Amino acid sequence: MSVQGSVVGRGSKPKLKLSDVPRFESVINAIKRALKDLVRGKLNLRDLALIVVLVYTGCRLNEALALTLGDLDFKGRTVKLRQLKKQREFIRIVPVPSKIFWDVLSEYCRTLPFKHSKLFDISDRQARNIVYKFTTKYIGIRIRPHALRHAYATYILKKTKDLEAARRLLGHEDYRVLKAYLDYTQEDLEDPLERLFRELEA
């Protein structure tokens, strides 16, 4: 089933086609393969930590770059994210019930010097290049950081069917953007429907 549509871009930024968004399961499998390279010393721990944050929280790149060590609650397994909008700061707490996430972040945070250190003291361009390099190597296609957010969004919607939960996790004000994600998940209806009608007409 070919998927049409795109997530609305802002200003002159190019729109991200939903058909270019990787399946969330594929991204998780890529992280699992990357973990093996980390053990072999073939992957930078900071780079994997950035990917893991983007993938498991569904946050925006600038939100990931604003994180400090104090924003991670290892006991409660939550991450505090800050969204700057119209000169105001909006905070949301995202639960992350993932062993992989906390294992990687725990190891990475031991390398940081201070309790309130920025997690990723790198530029936006450096962060984007980390994502491009990682996705090209482990997924086989160059993927933009925001596509990882969309992969998270479609997975959450697909599994929970809960618009309000997705809206809160992603930090959206309303449901308009979520509608694009919801349209994208309709591809999962094709196979079950095909089986149902095939059985009916047999």
Protein backbone atom coordinates (compact mmCIF):
# COMPACT_ATOMS: atom_id res chain seq x y z
CA MET A 1 0.00 0.00 0.00
CA SER A 2 1.56 3.29 -1.00
CA VAL A 3 1.25 5.97 1.64
CA GLN A 4 0.51 9.51 0.61
CA GLY A 5 0.77 12.74 2.53
CA SER A 6 3.37 14.65 4.44
CA VAL A 7 3.87 16.31 7.76
CA VAL A 8 3.41 20.04 7.34
CA GLY A 9 6.71 21.90 7.29
CA ARG A 10 7.13 25.32 8.84
CA GLY A 11 8.22 28.32 6.81
CA SER A 12 10.62 27.39 4.04
CA LYS A 13 11.67 24.09 5.60
CA PRO A 14 11.10 21.09 3.32
CA LYS A 15 8.19 18.86 4.21
CA LEU A 16 8.92 15.39 5.48
CA LYS A 17 7.10 12.74 3.50
CA LEU A 18 5.49 10.18 5.75
CA SER A 19 6.48 7.51 3.27
CA ASP A 20 10.11 8.30 4.15
CA VAL A 21 9.57 7.67 7.87
CA PRO A 22 11.21 4.40 8.97
CA ARG A 23 9.25 1.80 10.89
CA PHE A 24 9.93 2.16 14.58
CA GLU A 25 10.75 -1.54 14.84
CA SER A 26 13.48 -1.09 12.21
CA VAL A 27 15.03 1.74 14.20
CA ILE A 28 15.06 -0.36 17.39
CA ASN A 29 16.71 -3.23 15.50
CA ALA A 30 19.32 -0.77 14.23
CA ILE A 31 20.07 0.29 17.81
CA LYS A 32 20.47 -3.35 18.84
CA ARG A 33 23.02 -3.87 16.05
CA ALA A 34 24.79 -0.67 17.05
CA LEU A 35 25.12 -1.93 20.63
CA LYS A 36 27.27 -4.78 19.35
CA ASP A 37 29.54 -2.29 17.57
CA LEU A 38 29.72 -0.25 20.77
CA VAL A 39 31.06 -3.26 22.65
CA ARG A 40 33.63 -3.79 19.89
CA GLY A 41 34.73 -0.16 20.13
CA LYS A 42 33.43 0.63 16.66
CA LEU A 43 30.87 3.22 17.75
CA ASN A 44 31.08 6.39 19.83
CA LEU A 45 29.07 6.14 23.08
CA ARG A 46 27.93 9.77 22.89
CA ASP A 47 26.60 9.25 19.37
CA LEU A 48 24.59 6.19 20.39
CA ALA A 49 23.27 8.01 23.47
CA LEU A 50 21.96 10.83 21.25
CA ILE A 51 20.23 8.37 18.92
CA VAL A 52 18.71 6.51 21.87
CA VAL A 53 17.33 9.75 23.35
CA LEU A 54 15.76 10.80 20.04
CA VAL A 55 14.27 7.37 19.36
CA TYR A 56 12.92 6.44 22.79
CA THR A 57 11.49 9.86 23.76
CA GLY A 58 10.31 11.07 20.35
CA CYS A 59 11.74 14.48 21.20
CA ARG A 60 12.78 17.24 18.81
CA LEU A 61 16.50 17.63 18.14
CA ASN A 62 16.70 20.98 19.96
CA GLU A 63 14.99 19.39 22.98
CA ALA A 64 17.61 16.64 23.06
CA LEU A 65 20.41 19.19 22.86
CA ALA A 66 18.91 21.15 25.77
CA LEU A 67 18.96 18.12 28.10
CA THR A 68 21.13 18.08 31.20
CA LEU A 69 22.07 15.19 33.44
CA GLY A 70 19.57 16.48 35.99
CA ASP A 71 16.73 15.99 33.50
CA LEU A 72 17.11 12.21 33.69
CA ASP A 73 15.27 10.44 36.48
CA PHE A 74 16.92 7.02 36.58
CA LYS A 75 14.77 5.82 39.47
CA GLY A 76 11.44 6.93 38.00
CA ARG A 77 12.63 6.19 34.45
CA THR A 78 11.44 9.52 33.06
CA VAL A 79 13.01 12.32 31.02
CA LYS A 80 12.21 16.02 31.46
CA LEU A 81 12.01 17.76 28.09
CA ARG A 82 11.92 21.52 27.49
CA GLN A 83 10.18 23.05 24.50
CA LEU A 84 10.86 26.72 23.81
CA LYS A 85 7.97 28.41 22.04
CA LYS A 86 7.21 32.11 21.69
CA GLN A 87 9.85 32.93 24.33
CA ARG A 88 8.15 30.61 26.81
CA GLU A 89 9.38 27.27 28.13
CA PHE A 90 7.03 24.30 28.20
CA ILE A 91 8.11 21.26 30.19
CA ARG A 92 6.83 17.73 29.74
CA ILE A 93 7.83 14.53 31.50
CA VAL A 94 8.18 11.51 29.23
CA PRO A 95 8.23 7.99 30.69
CA VAL A 96 10.80 5.69 29.08
CA PRO A 97 10.26 2.08 30.19
CA SER A 98 13.19 0.73 28.18
CA LYS A 99 16.17 -1.23 29.52
CA ILE A 100 18.25 -0.35 26.46
CA PHE A 101 17.64 3.37 26.98
CA TRP A 102 18.68 3.41 30.63
CA ASP A 103 21.62 1.06 30.14
CA VAL A 104 23.09 3.29 27.42
CA LEU A 105 22.35 6.55 29.27
CA SER A 106 23.71 5.19 32.54
CA GLU A 107 27.00 4.27 30.91
CA TYR A 108 27.19 7.55 29.01
CA CYS A 109 26.35 9.76 31.98
CA ARG A 110 29.27 8.31 33.92
CA THR A 111 31.51 10.14 31.42
CA LEU A 112 29.97 13.56 32.22
CA PRO A 113 31.87 15.77 34.70
CA PHE A 114 29.08 17.57 36.57
CA LYS A 115 25.55 16.83 37.77
CA HIS A 116 24.08 19.62 35.66
CA SER A 117 26.27 19.04 32.63
CA LYS A 118 24.60 19.26 29.24
CA LEU A 119 24.15 15.74 27.95
CA PHE A 120 25.29 16.68 24.46
CA ASP A 121 27.65 19.63 24.25
CA ILE A 122 27.56 19.71 20.45
CA SER A 123 26.07 21.92 17.75
CA ASP A 124 22.85 21.30 15.86
CA ARG A 125 24.87 20.51 12.73
CA GLN A 126 27.08 18.01 14.58
CA ALA A 127 23.96 16.31 15.99
CA ARG A 128 22.35 16.07 12.56
CA ASN A 129 25.51 14.54 11.12
CA ILE A 130 25.48 11.92 13.89
CA VAL A 131 21.93 10.95 12.93
CA TYR A 132 22.76 10.88 9.20
CA LYS A 133 25.83 8.69 9.79
CA PHE A 134 23.99 6.32 12.14
CA THR A 135 20.93 5.84 9.95
CA THR A 136 22.96 5.43 6.78
CA LYS A 137 25.09 2.73 8.40
CA TYR A 138 22.46 0.83 10.39
CA ILE A 139 19.22 1.40 8.47
CA GLY A 140 20.67 1.75 4.98
CA ILE A 141 19.18 5.16 4.26
CA ARG A 142 20.02 8.71 5.32
CA ILE A 143 17.24 9.78 7.68
CA ARG A 144 16.60 13.23 9.13
CA PRO A 145 16.38 13.56 12.93
CA HIS A 146 12.73 14.60 12.77
CA ALA A 147 11.88 11.36 10.95
CA LEU A 148 12.86 9.48 14.12
CA ARG A 149 10.27 11.55 15.99
CA HIS A 150 7.65 10.62 13.41
CA ALA A 151 8.59 6.93 13.71
CA TYR A 152 8.02 7.17 17.47
CA ALA A 153 4.71 9.00 16.98
CA THR A 154 3.26 6.50 14.52
CA TYR A 155 4.32 3.58 16.70
CA ILE A 156 2.72 5.08 19.83
CA LEU A 157 -0.51 5.82 17.96
CA LYS A 158 -0.55 2.41 16.33
CA LYS A 159 -0.15 0.56 19.61
CA THR A 160 -2.20 2.72 21.98
CA LYS A 161 -4.86 4.25 19.67
CA ASP A 162 -4.75 7.11 22.20
CA LEU A 163 -4.54 10.58 20.63
CA GLU A 164 -4.34 12.37 23.96
CA ALA A 165 -1.44 10.23 25.20
CA ALA A 166 0.43 10.80 21.93
CA ARG A 167 -0.25 14.54 22.05
CA ARG A 168 1.15 14.80 25.57
CA LEU A 169 4.20 12.63 24.87
CA LEU A 170 5.07 14.61 21.74
CA GLY A 171 4.36 18.04 23.19
CA HIS A 172 1.78 19.15 20.61
CA GLU A 173 -0.82 21.78 21.44
CA ASP A 174 -3.57 20.16 19.42
CA TYR A 175 -4.39 17.17 17.24
CA ARG A 176 -3.84 18.66 13.77
CA VAL A 177 -0.31 17.33 13.33
CA LEU A 178 -1.29 14.02 14.91
CA LYS A 179 -3.86 13.53 12.16
CA ALA A 180 -1.03 13.10 9.66
CA TYR A 181 0.50 10.38 11.83
CA LEU A 182 -2.89 8.75 12.22
CA ASP A 183 -3.39 8.70 8.45
CA TYR A 184 -0.01 7.01 8.12
CA THR A 185 -0.97 4.18 10.45
CA GLN A 186 -3.89 3.28 8.19
CA GLU A 187 -1.50 1.15 6.10
CA ASP A 188 -1.67 -1.42 8.88
CA LEU A 189 -5.35 -1.95 8.16
CA GLU A 190 -4.77 -3.26 4.66
CA ASP A 191 -3.58 -6.79 5.42
CA PRO A 192 -6.25 -7.61 8.04
CA LEU A 193 -8.98 -6.27 5.75
CA GLU A 194 -7.67 -8.25 2.81
CA ARG A 195 -7.77 -11.45 4.90
CA LEU A 196 -11.27 -10.69 6.16
CA PHE A 197 -12.72 -10.17 2.70
CA ARG A 198 -10.85 -13.12 1.27
CA GLU A 199 -12.40 -15.35 3.95
CA LEU A 200 -15.82 -13.82 3.32
CA GLU A 201 -15.67 -14.40 -0.42
CA ALA A 202 -14.13 -17.88 -0.28
